[in-house]
N, C-alpha and C. Protein backbone atom coordinates (compact mmCIF):
# COMPACT_ATOMS: atom_id res chain seq x y z
N MET A 1 -72.57 22.18 18.73
CA MET A 1 -71.57 23.11 19.54
C MET A 1 -70.61 21.27 19.82
N ARG A 2 -71.85 20.73 20.14
CA ARG A 2 -71.38 19.17 20.91
C ARG A 2 -70.08 18.64 19.52
N GLU A 3 -71.02 18.55 18.07
CA GLU A 3 -70.03 18.01 17.50
C GLU A 3 -68.87 18.87 17.12
N PHE A 4 -68.94 20.50 17.48
CA PHE A 4 -67.59 21.30 16.78
C PHE A 4 -66.55 20.56 18.49
N GLN A 5 -67.35 20.05 19.36
CA GLN A 5 -66.35 20.03 20.32
C GLN A 5 -65.64 18.54 20.17
N ARG A 6 -66.62 17.53 19.81
CA ARG A 6 -66.03 16.45 19.39
C ARG A 6 -65.39 16.42 18.27
N ARG A 7 -65.12 17.23 17.85
CA ARG A 7 -64.54 17.24 16.23
C ARG A 7 -62.90 17.54 17.01
N ARG A 8 -62.82 18.74 17.78
CA ARG A 8 -61.83 19.11 17.95
C ARG A 8 -61.31 18.33 19.03
N GLY A 9 -61.98 17.66 19.57
CA GLY A 9 -61.25 16.12 20.64
C GLY A 9 -60.54 15.49 19.76
N GLU A 10 -61.05 15.16 18.76
CA GLU A 10 -60.75 14.06 17.87
C GLU A 10 -59.54 14.56 16.81
N GLY A 11 -59.54 16.18 17.08
CA GLY A 11 -58.24 16.46 16.58
C GLY A 11 -57.02 16.60 17.11
N LYS A 12 -57.36 16.59 18.42
CA LYS A 12 -56.25 16.17 19.51
C LYS A 12 -55.60 14.97 19.65
N VAL A 13 -56.34 14.41 19.34
CA VAL A 13 -56.19 12.72 19.58
C VAL A 13 -55.44 12.59 18.32
N LYS A 14 -55.68 12.98 17.16
CA LYS A 14 -55.36 12.81 15.88
C LYS A 14 -53.58 13.24 16.18
N ALA A 15 -53.50 14.68 16.72
CA ALA A 15 -52.09 15.05 16.81
C ALA A 15 -51.48 14.45 17.77
N ALA A 16 -51.91 14.04 18.73
CA ALA A 16 -51.14 13.07 19.64
C ALA A 16 -50.56 12.18 19.00
N LEU A 17 -51.38 11.10 18.29
CA LEU A 17 -50.71 9.92 17.53
C LEU A 17 -49.57 10.63 16.82
N ALA A 18 -49.94 11.46 15.71
CA ALA A 18 -48.53 11.80 14.78
C ALA A 18 -47.99 12.04 16.04
N VAL A 19 -47.91 12.87 16.77
CA VAL A 19 -46.39 13.10 17.97
C VAL A 19 -45.82 11.66 17.84
N LEU A 20 -46.50 10.55 18.43
CA LEU A 20 -46.30 9.93 18.77
C LEU A 20 -45.73 9.25 17.97
N GLY A 21 -46.08 8.86 16.42
CA GLY A 21 -45.61 8.24 15.27
C GLY A 21 -44.56 8.98 15.21
N VAL A 22 -44.15 10.09 15.27
CA VAL A 22 -42.96 10.86 14.96
C VAL A 22 -41.92 10.31 16.19
N VAL A 23 -41.90 10.51 16.97
CA VAL A 23 -41.40 10.21 18.79
C VAL A 23 -40.56 8.81 18.10
N THR A 24 -42.00 7.86 18.11
CA THR A 24 -41.19 6.04 17.53
C THR A 24 -40.37 6.02 16.44
N LEU A 25 -40.64 7.04 15.32
CA LEU A 25 -39.89 6.55 14.09
C LEU A 25 -38.56 7.43 14.85
N ALA A 26 -38.26 8.64 15.82
CA ALA A 26 -37.42 9.03 15.53
C ALA A 26 -36.53 8.31 16.23
N VAL A 27 -37.12 7.17 17.93
CA VAL A 27 -36.20 6.65 18.35
C VAL A 27 -35.56 5.09 17.87
N VAL A 28 -36.69 4.67 16.73
CA VAL A 28 -36.07 3.64 15.73
C VAL A 28 -34.68 4.07 15.14
N ALA A 29 -35.05 5.03 14.62
CA ALA A 29 -33.84 6.20 14.06
C ALA A 29 -32.44 6.14 14.71
N VAL A 30 -33.01 5.93 15.60
CA VAL A 30 -31.51 6.09 16.97
C VAL A 30 -30.97 5.19 16.44
N PHE A 31 -31.58 3.72 16.44
CA PHE A 31 -31.15 2.56 17.10
C PHE A 31 -30.66 2.28 15.76
N ALA A 32 -31.32 2.59 14.86
CA ALA A 32 -30.69 2.32 13.43
C ALA A 32 -29.62 2.58 13.36
N ALA A 33 -29.11 3.82 13.80
CA ALA A 33 -28.08 4.97 13.44
C ALA A 33 -26.95 4.08 14.45
N GLN A 34 -27.36 3.89 15.52
CA GLN A 34 -26.04 2.71 16.39
C GLN A 34 -25.91 1.55 15.85
N GLY A 35 -26.72 1.04 14.74
CA GLY A 35 -26.11 -0.35 14.76
C GLY A 35 -25.25 -0.27 13.70
N VAL A 36 -25.81 0.60 12.75
CA VAL A 36 -24.62 1.25 11.70
C VAL A 36 -23.90 1.59 12.01
N TRP A 37 -23.43 2.44 13.05
CA TRP A 37 -21.94 2.99 13.28
C TRP A 37 -21.02 1.77 14.03
N GLY A 38 -21.83 0.74 14.57
CA GLY A 38 -21.36 0.07 15.21
C GLY A 38 -21.25 -1.03 14.47
N MET A 39 -21.24 -1.53 13.22
CA MET A 39 -21.26 -2.25 12.42
C MET A 39 -19.78 -1.60 11.41
N TYR A 40 -19.88 -0.16 11.32
CA TYR A 40 -18.79 0.37 10.62
C TYR A 40 -17.47 0.10 11.49
N GLN A 41 -17.80 0.49 12.77
CA GLN A 41 -16.31 0.42 13.77
C GLN A 41 -15.96 -0.99 13.27
N LYS A 42 -16.83 -1.96 13.71
CA LYS A 42 -16.11 -3.52 13.75
C LYS A 42 -15.20 -3.40 11.75
N PHE A 43 -16.51 -2.77 11.02
CA PHE A 43 -15.49 -2.98 9.79
C PHE A 43 -13.94 -2.49 9.42
N ALA A 44 -14.22 -1.18 10.07
CA ALA A 44 -12.42 -0.63 10.20
C ALA A 44 -11.53 -1.22 11.28
N SER A 45 -12.44 -1.93 12.22
CA SER A 45 -11.23 -2.74 12.84
C SER A 45 -10.61 -4.18 12.05
N ALA A 46 -12.07 -4.76 11.76
CA ALA A 46 -11.23 -6.19 10.62
C ALA A 46 -10.49 -5.35 9.42
N SER A 47 -10.89 -4.62 8.74
CA SER A 47 -9.93 -3.73 7.69
C SER A 47 -8.48 -3.58 8.38
N ALA A 48 -8.49 -2.77 9.24
CA ALA A 48 -6.88 -2.73 9.91
C ALA A 48 -6.15 -4.17 10.07
N ASP A 49 -7.10 -4.84 10.86
CA ASP A 49 -6.05 -6.08 11.34
C ASP A 49 -5.76 -7.16 10.23
N ASP A 50 -6.75 -7.10 9.23
CA ASP A 50 -6.70 -7.77 7.83
C ASP A 50 -5.34 -7.36 7.59
N ALA A 51 -4.95 -5.91 7.37
CA ALA A 51 -3.68 -5.69 6.75
C ALA A 51 -2.58 -6.02 7.69
N ALA A 52 -2.54 -5.59 9.06
CA ALA A 52 -1.83 -5.91 10.16
C ALA A 52 -1.06 -7.59 9.71
N ALA A 53 -2.06 -8.19 9.36
CA ALA A 53 -1.97 -9.46 9.31
C ALA A 53 -1.02 -10.14 7.85
N GLN A 54 -1.70 -9.34 6.48
CA GLN A 54 -1.14 -8.99 5.53
C GLN A 54 0.58 -8.93 5.40
N ALA A 55 1.11 -7.66 6.53
CA ALA A 55 2.03 -7.05 6.77
C ALA A 55 2.88 -8.91 7.24
N GLN A 56 2.26 -9.50 8.36
CA GLN A 56 2.79 -10.28 9.05
C GLN A 56 3.52 -11.51 8.26
N LEU A 57 2.10 -11.62 7.49
CA LEU A 57 2.56 -12.74 6.31
C LEU A 57 3.55 -12.49 5.04
N GLY A 58 4.02 -11.32 4.88
CA GLY A 58 4.76 -11.29 4.21
C GLY A 58 6.10 -11.56 4.50
N THR A 59 5.98 -10.44 6.17
CA THR A 59 7.37 -11.08 6.53
C THR A 59 7.86 -12.38 7.12
N LEU A 60 6.59 -13.19 7.25
CA LEU A 60 6.95 -14.82 7.49
C LEU A 60 7.46 -15.38 6.13
N LYS A 61 6.82 -15.07 5.11
CA LYS A 61 7.21 -15.72 3.66
C LYS A 61 8.36 -15.24 3.76
N ASP A 62 9.32 -14.36 3.95
CA ASP A 62 10.69 -13.87 3.27
C ASP A 62 11.35 -14.21 4.41
N GLN A 63 11.23 -14.57 6.11
CA GLN A 63 12.10 -15.57 6.82
C GLN A 63 11.84 -17.21 6.19
N TYR A 64 10.73 -17.51 5.71
CA TYR A 64 10.57 -19.21 5.46
C TYR A 64 11.53 -19.08 4.05
N GLN A 65 11.56 -18.13 3.12
CA GLN A 65 12.49 -18.86 1.84
C GLN A 65 14.01 -18.75 2.39
N LYS A 66 14.41 -18.00 3.25
CA LYS A 66 16.08 -17.74 4.22
C LYS A 66 15.93 -18.98 4.43
N LEU A 67 15.17 -19.40 5.46
CA LEU A 67 15.21 -21.11 5.71
C LEU A 67 15.28 -21.91 5.00
N ASP A 68 14.38 -21.63 4.20
CA ASP A 68 14.47 -23.11 3.59
C ASP A 68 15.81 -23.24 2.35
N ALA A 69 16.27 -21.72 1.66
CA ALA A 69 17.66 -21.48 1.13
C ALA A 69 18.94 -22.12 2.20
N ALA A 70 18.78 -21.61 3.84
CA ALA A 70 19.84 -22.25 4.52
C ALA A 70 19.50 -24.03 4.67
N VAL A 71 18.55 -24.39 4.96
CA VAL A 71 18.11 -26.06 4.59
C VAL A 71 19.22 -26.90 3.69
N THR A 72 18.24 -25.93 2.62
CA THR A 72 18.97 -26.66 1.56
C THR A 72 20.92 -26.58 1.33
N ALA A 73 21.27 -25.82 1.75
CA ALA A 73 22.65 -25.32 2.16
C ALA A 73 23.20 -26.42 2.62
N TYR A 74 22.70 -26.40 3.88
CA TYR A 74 22.94 -27.36 4.77
C TYR A 74 23.09 -29.21 4.53
N GLN A 75 22.07 -29.51 2.90
CA GLN A 75 21.83 -30.66 3.18
C GLN A 75 23.48 -31.11 2.47
N SER A 76 23.85 -30.18 2.00
CA SER A 76 25.16 -31.04 1.34
C SER A 76 26.22 -30.74 2.61
N GLY A 77 27.71 -31.59 2.23
CA GLY A 77 28.48 -31.24 3.20
C GLY A 77 29.29 -30.05 2.89
N ARG A 78 29.28 -29.83 1.65
CA ARG A 78 29.91 -28.36 1.25
C ARG A 78 29.31 -27.10 2.13
N GLY A 79 27.81 -27.68 2.29
CA GLY A 79 27.48 -26.48 2.51
C GLY A 79 27.49 -26.57 4.42
N VAL A 80 27.81 -26.95 4.87
CA VAL A 80 27.63 -27.70 6.12
C VAL A 80 29.15 -26.58 6.53
N GLU A 81 30.12 -27.35 6.17
CA GLU A 81 31.69 -27.08 6.15
C GLU A 81 31.66 -25.34 5.62
N ALA A 82 30.76 -24.91 4.84
CA ALA A 82 31.36 -23.44 4.67
C ALA A 82 30.68 -22.60 6.28
N ALA A 83 29.39 -22.89 6.82
CA ALA A 83 28.52 -22.66 7.57
C ALA A 83 29.74 -22.84 8.79
N VAL A 84 30.04 -23.48 9.08
CA VAL A 84 31.29 -24.23 10.48
C VAL A 84 32.55 -23.05 10.01
N ARG A 85 32.71 -22.81 8.77
CA ARG A 85 33.96 -22.14 8.83
C ARG A 85 33.42 -20.55 9.09
N GLU A 86 32.50 -20.62 7.91
CA GLU A 86 31.98 -18.80 8.85
C GLU A 86 31.34 -18.19 10.29
N ARG A 87 31.27 -19.38 10.81
CA ARG A 87 30.48 -19.41 12.02
C ARG A 87 31.51 -19.11 13.01
N TRP A 88 32.27 -20.21 13.12
CA TRP A 88 33.69 -20.46 14.05
C TRP A 88 34.73 -19.71 13.56
N GLY A 89 35.09 -19.75 12.46
CA GLY A 89 36.49 -19.56 11.69
C GLY A 89 37.25 -20.24 12.19
N VAL A 90 37.33 -21.44 11.87
CA VAL A 90 38.00 -22.52 11.69
C VAL A 90 38.80 -22.79 10.46
N ALA A 91 39.70 -23.80 10.34
CA ALA A 91 40.35 -23.98 9.31
C ALA A 91 40.96 -25.45 9.33
N ARG A 92 40.82 -26.37 8.15
CA ARG A 92 41.45 -27.40 8.09
C ARG A 92 43.25 -27.29 8.96
N PRO A 93 43.36 -28.48 9.13
CA PRO A 93 44.68 -28.48 9.39
C PRO A 93 46.07 -28.48 7.91
N GLY A 94 46.61 -27.36 8.09
CA GLY A 94 47.43 -26.91 6.45
C GLY A 94 47.07 -25.94 6.52
N GLU A 95 46.04 -25.24 6.25
CA GLU A 95 45.21 -24.16 5.73
C GLU A 95 45.78 -23.40 6.69
N SER A 96 45.91 -22.00 5.54
CA SER A 96 46.22 -21.01 6.62
C SER A 96 46.03 -19.55 6.09
N GLU A 97 45.68 -18.70 6.78
CA GLU A 97 45.33 -17.31 6.40
C GLU A 97 45.61 -16.71 5.29
N ILE A 98 45.26 -16.07 3.84
CA ILE A 98 45.98 -15.53 3.23
C ILE A 98 45.89 -13.94 3.11
N ASP A 99 46.83 -13.06 3.25
CA ASP A 99 46.55 -11.90 3.57
C ASP A 99 46.89 -11.09 1.75
N ILE A 100 45.88 -10.33 1.52
CA ILE A 100 46.07 -9.53 -0.17
C ILE A 100 46.19 -7.99 0.46
N ILE A 101 47.60 -7.83 -0.59
CA ILE A 101 47.91 -6.28 -0.23
C ILE A 101 47.45 -6.16 -1.70
N ARG A 102 46.92 -4.64 -1.58
CA ARG A 102 47.39 -3.82 -2.85
C ARG A 102 48.10 -2.86 -2.79
N VAL A 103 48.80 -2.92 -4.12
CA VAL A 103 49.65 -1.64 -4.43
C VAL A 103 48.89 -0.34 -4.48
N ALA A 104 49.37 0.69 -3.86
CA ALA A 104 48.72 1.63 -3.99
C ALA A 104 49.22 2.23 -4.98
N THR A 105 48.10 2.66 -6.26
CA THR A 105 48.59 3.47 -6.96
C THR A 105 48.14 5.04 -7.27
N THR A 106 48.99 5.76 -8.13
CA THR A 106 48.89 6.96 -8.39
C THR A 106 47.84 7.69 -8.74
N SER A 107 47.35 8.58 -8.57
CA SER A 107 46.33 8.99 -9.63
C SER A 107 46.67 10.14 -10.16
N ALA A 108 48.01 10.85 -10.37
CA ALA A 108 48.34 12.19 -10.95
C ALA A 108 48.51 11.74 -12.24
N PRO A 109 47.40 12.52 -12.92
CA PRO A 109 47.78 12.51 -14.24
C PRO A 109 49.30 12.59 -15.26
N ILE A 110 49.35 11.69 -16.28
CA ILE A 110 50.62 11.65 -17.02
C ILE A 110 50.80 13.05 -17.71
N ALA A 111 52.02 13.35 -17.58
CA ALA A 111 52.56 14.83 -18.74
C ALA A 111 52.73 14.13 -20.10
N VAL A 112 52.21 14.63 -20.91
CA VAL A 112 52.12 14.24 -22.48
C VAL A 112 52.64 15.59 -23.19
N GLU A 113 53.73 15.29 -23.72
CA GLU A 113 54.20 16.58 -24.65
C GLU A 113 53.55 16.99 -26.18
N VAL A 114 52.95 17.52 -26.13
CA VAL A 114 52.33 18.02 -27.69
C VAL A 114 53.23 19.25 -28.13
N GLY A 115 52.96 18.58 -29.53
CA GLY A 115 54.05 19.27 -30.91
C GLY A 115 53.17 20.41 -31.26
N PHE A 116 53.60 21.53 -31.96
CA PHE A 116 53.81 22.87 -32.19
C PHE A 116 52.25 22.37 -33.45
N TRP A 117 52.32 21.38 -33.88
CA TRP A 117 51.26 21.57 -35.10
C TRP A 117 49.78 20.64 -34.16
N ALA A 118 49.91 20.27 -33.38
CA ALA A 118 49.05 19.47 -32.27
C ALA A 118 48.50 20.58 -31.28
N ARG A 119 49.03 21.77 -31.30
CA ARG A 119 48.31 22.98 -30.90
C ARG A 119 47.44 23.63 -31.57
N LEU A 120 48.35 23.94 -32.36
CA LEU A 120 47.80 24.70 -33.45
C LEU A 120 46.46 24.46 -34.09
N TRP A 121 46.41 22.86 -34.27
CA TRP A 121 45.23 22.31 -34.92
C TRP A 121 43.70 22.23 -34.16
N HIS A 122 44.39 21.57 -32.68
CA HIS A 122 43.70 22.05 -31.30
C HIS A 122 42.86 23.47 -31.02
N ALA A 123 44.11 24.79 -31.49
CA ALA A 123 43.15 25.94 -31.47
C ALA A 123 42.22 26.63 -32.35
N ILE A 124 42.33 25.97 -33.63
CA ILE A 124 41.62 25.90 -34.89
C ILE A 124 40.33 25.35 -34.87
N PHE A 125 40.82 24.06 -34.53
CA PHE A 125 39.19 23.19 -34.32
C PHE A 125 39.16 23.13 -32.93
N VAL A 126 38.48 23.58 -32.31
CA VAL A 126 38.03 23.95 -30.81
C VAL A 126 37.08 22.74 -30.47
N TRP A 127 36.72 21.96 -31.29
CA TRP A 127 35.01 21.03 -30.84
C TRP A 127 36.04 19.68 -31.06
């Protein structure tokens, strides 16, 4: 009988160790899942930041090209003169403003007389 009780006690110990092992594995799994979730959030944040940085880089490249074109234009005397004329609306002595006035045209169709044979031809051959 004592052997049976001893075996029965060993079973309880084995069951307790099994439960303890399962609990330990569950705790380790929870900590691992938290680590994975944290890494996922960091990756998502870095990906969004990268997309924003790429958009900003595109904008800066456009601005650089515009400024480079302006600098190239300002390197000649003609470019500086054009910029001054455009910005402040100045002119050289003796220059004046030219107003271009267009003559209004009528959009009424011009009537053309069509003869009898032409009307007959168009009546027969419609295409």
